[in-house]
Protein backbone atom coordinates (compact mmCIF):
# COMPACT_ATOMS: atom_id res chain seq x y z
CA UNK A 1 -7.27 30.86 61.76
CA UNK A 2 -9.83 31.58 59.05
CA UNK A 3 -10.91 35.21 58.82
CA UNK A 4 -13.04 35.67 55.70
CA UNK A 5 -14.39 34.01 52.60
CA UNK A 6 -14.78 35.61 49.19
CA UNK A 7 -16.78 33.45 46.79
CA UNK A 8 -15.83 33.37 43.11
CA UNK A 9 -18.75 33.15 40.71
CA UNK A 10 -18.81 32.77 36.92
CA UNK A 11 -19.75 35.66 34.63
CA UNK A 12 -20.24 35.77 30.88
CA UNK A 13 -20.09 39.53 30.42
CA UNK A 14 -18.06 41.72 32.76
CA UNK A 15 -19.87 45.03 31.95
CA UNK A 16 -23.29 43.40 32.51
CA UNK A 17 -22.21 41.82 35.79
CA UNK A 18 -20.61 45.07 36.96
CA UNK A 19 -23.73 47.08 36.08
CA UNK A 20 -26.09 44.66 37.86
CA UNK A 21 -24.15 44.57 41.12
CA UNK A 22 -23.32 48.28 41.18
CA UNK A 23 -26.66 49.68 39.98
CA UNK A 24 -29.13 47.12 41.35
CA UNK A 25 -27.44 45.94 44.55
CA UNK A 26 -25.28 48.90 45.56
CA UNK A 27 -21.90 47.15 45.44
CA UNK A 28 -18.66 48.99 44.69
CA UNK A 29 -15.77 47.84 42.56
CA UNK A 30 -12.37 47.46 44.20
CA UNK A 31 -8.95 46.20 43.31
CA UNK A 32 -7.63 46.26 39.79
CA UNK A 33 -10.75 47.10 37.79
CA UNK A 34 -8.87 46.72 34.52
CA UNK A 35 -7.88 43.10 34.99
CA UNK A 36 -9.25 41.32 31.96
CA UNK A 37 -11.65 38.51 32.79
CA UNK A 38 -11.89 39.14 36.53
CA UNK A 39 -14.05 41.41 38.67
CA UNK A 40 -13.98 42.13 42.41
CA UNK A 41 -16.94 43.79 44.12
CA UNK A 42 -17.72 44.66 47.72
CA UNK A 43 -20.53 45.97 49.86
CA UNK A 44 -20.33 46.56 53.60
CA UNK A 45 -18.25 43.65 54.93
CA UNK A 46 -18.53 41.21 52.03
CA UNK A 47 -16.69 40.67 48.77
CA UNK A 48 -17.72 38.67 45.73
CA UNK A 49 -15.24 37.89 42.99
CA UNK A 50 -16.18 36.94 39.43
CA UNK A 51 -14.23 35.08 36.78
CA UNK A 52 -14.97 35.21 33.08
CA UNK A 53 -16.70 32.14 31.65
CA UNK A 54 -17.96 33.20 28.23
CA UNK A 55 -19.38 29.76 27.38
CA UNK A 56 -21.44 29.53 30.56
CA UNK A 57 -25.00 28.38 29.94
CA UNK A 58 -27.09 30.21 32.57
CA UNK A 59 -29.61 27.34 32.52
CA UNK A 60 -26.83 25.04 33.73
CA UNK A 61 -25.23 27.40 36.26
CA UNK A 62 -25.52 26.28 39.85
CA UNK A 63 -23.42 29.10 41.37
CA UNK A 64 -24.88 30.11 44.72
CA UNK A 65 -23.96 32.43 47.56
CA UNK A 66 -25.67 32.87 50.94
CA UNK A 67 -25.26 36.39 52.32
CA UNK A 68 -26.14 37.14 55.92
CA UNK A 69 -27.51 40.53 56.88
CA UNK A 70 -28.59 42.24 60.08
CA UNK A 71 -31.41 44.18 58.36
CA UNK A 72 -33.22 41.82 56.00
CA UNK A 73 -36.37 43.96 55.88
CA UNK A 74 -34.47 47.15 55.04
CA UNK A 75 -32.38 45.40 52.39
CA UNK A 76 -35.44 43.81 50.80
CA UNK A 77 -37.26 47.16 50.68
CA UNK A 78 -34.22 48.95 49.25
CA UNK A 79 -33.86 46.37 46.48
CA UNK A 80 -37.57 46.56 45.63
CA UNK A 81 -37.34 50.37 45.61
CA UNK A 82 -34.43 50.01 43.17
CA UNK A 83 -36.55 47.74 40.91
CA UNK A 84 -34.34 44.71 41.55
CA UNK A 85 -36.00 41.47 40.46
CA UNK A 86 -36.63 39.09 43.36
CA UNK A 87 -36.75 35.43 42.31
CA UNK A 88 -40.40 34.31 41.91
CA UNK A 89 -39.74 31.42 44.30
CA UNK A 90 -37.60 33.54 46.61
CA UNK A 91 -39.89 36.16 48.10
CA UNK A 92 -39.09 37.34 51.64
CA UNK A 93 -40.27 34.69 54.10
CA UNK A 94 -39.38 33.03 57.38
CA UNK A 95 -38.03 29.56 56.65
CA UNK A 96 -38.45 26.44 58.85
CA UNK A 97 -34.72 26.55 59.65
CA UNK A 98 -35.10 29.86 61.51
CA UNK A 99 -33.93 32.29 58.86
CA UNK A 100 -35.83 35.13 57.22
CA UNK A 101 -34.68 35.00 53.58
CA UNK A 102 -35.18 36.11 50.00
CA UNK A 103 -33.38 35.23 46.78
CA UNK A 104 -32.55 36.68 43.40
CA UNK A 105 -30.59 35.71 40.30
CA UNK A 106 -27.82 37.76 38.76
CA UNK A 107 -27.42 38.06 34.95
CA UNK A 108 -25.66 34.66 34.82
CA UNK A 109 -28.17 32.85 37.05
CA UNK A 110 -25.93 32.83 40.11
CA UNK A 111 -28.38 32.48 43.00
CA UNK A 112 -27.99 35.12 45.70
CA UNK A 113 -29.82 34.31 48.92
CA UNK A 114 -29.94 36.93 51.65
CA UNK A 115 -30.80 35.82 55.18
CA UNK A 116 -31.12 36.90 58.78
CA UNK A 117 -31.71 34.79 61.87
CA UNK A 118 -35.11 35.26 63.51
C-alpha cells in the first residue's frame, strides 16, 4: 500500500534553496541538516527533498511538483504578503480542469504549482 510521495528536485546551491523555502514559503528543515549535497524540507503534511546538482542549467530544468492545498486563497495571500514571486504566467486562476491554481519558480527553476479543487 502506498502512503506518501516525497519528490526529489535538483538544487545548485543548498543555502539559497534552504533560504527560499524557509523564508519565502514557510517550510521547515528536518532530518540530517548537515548531510552534504542533500536537503529535506517539510510544511504541513508534505515533504520535498533536494539533491545537489551544481551544473544544473536553470533554463533547462524541467523539475515540477504539484502541491494540493485546502486553502488556496489563504496560501496565495500569505505568499504575496511575504513578497514571494508568483510566476507571470501562473497567477491564481480557476483552470478548465476544475482546479484553482497558481505557480512559482524556486531559485533553480523548479516549477511549484499549488492547487485546490473547486
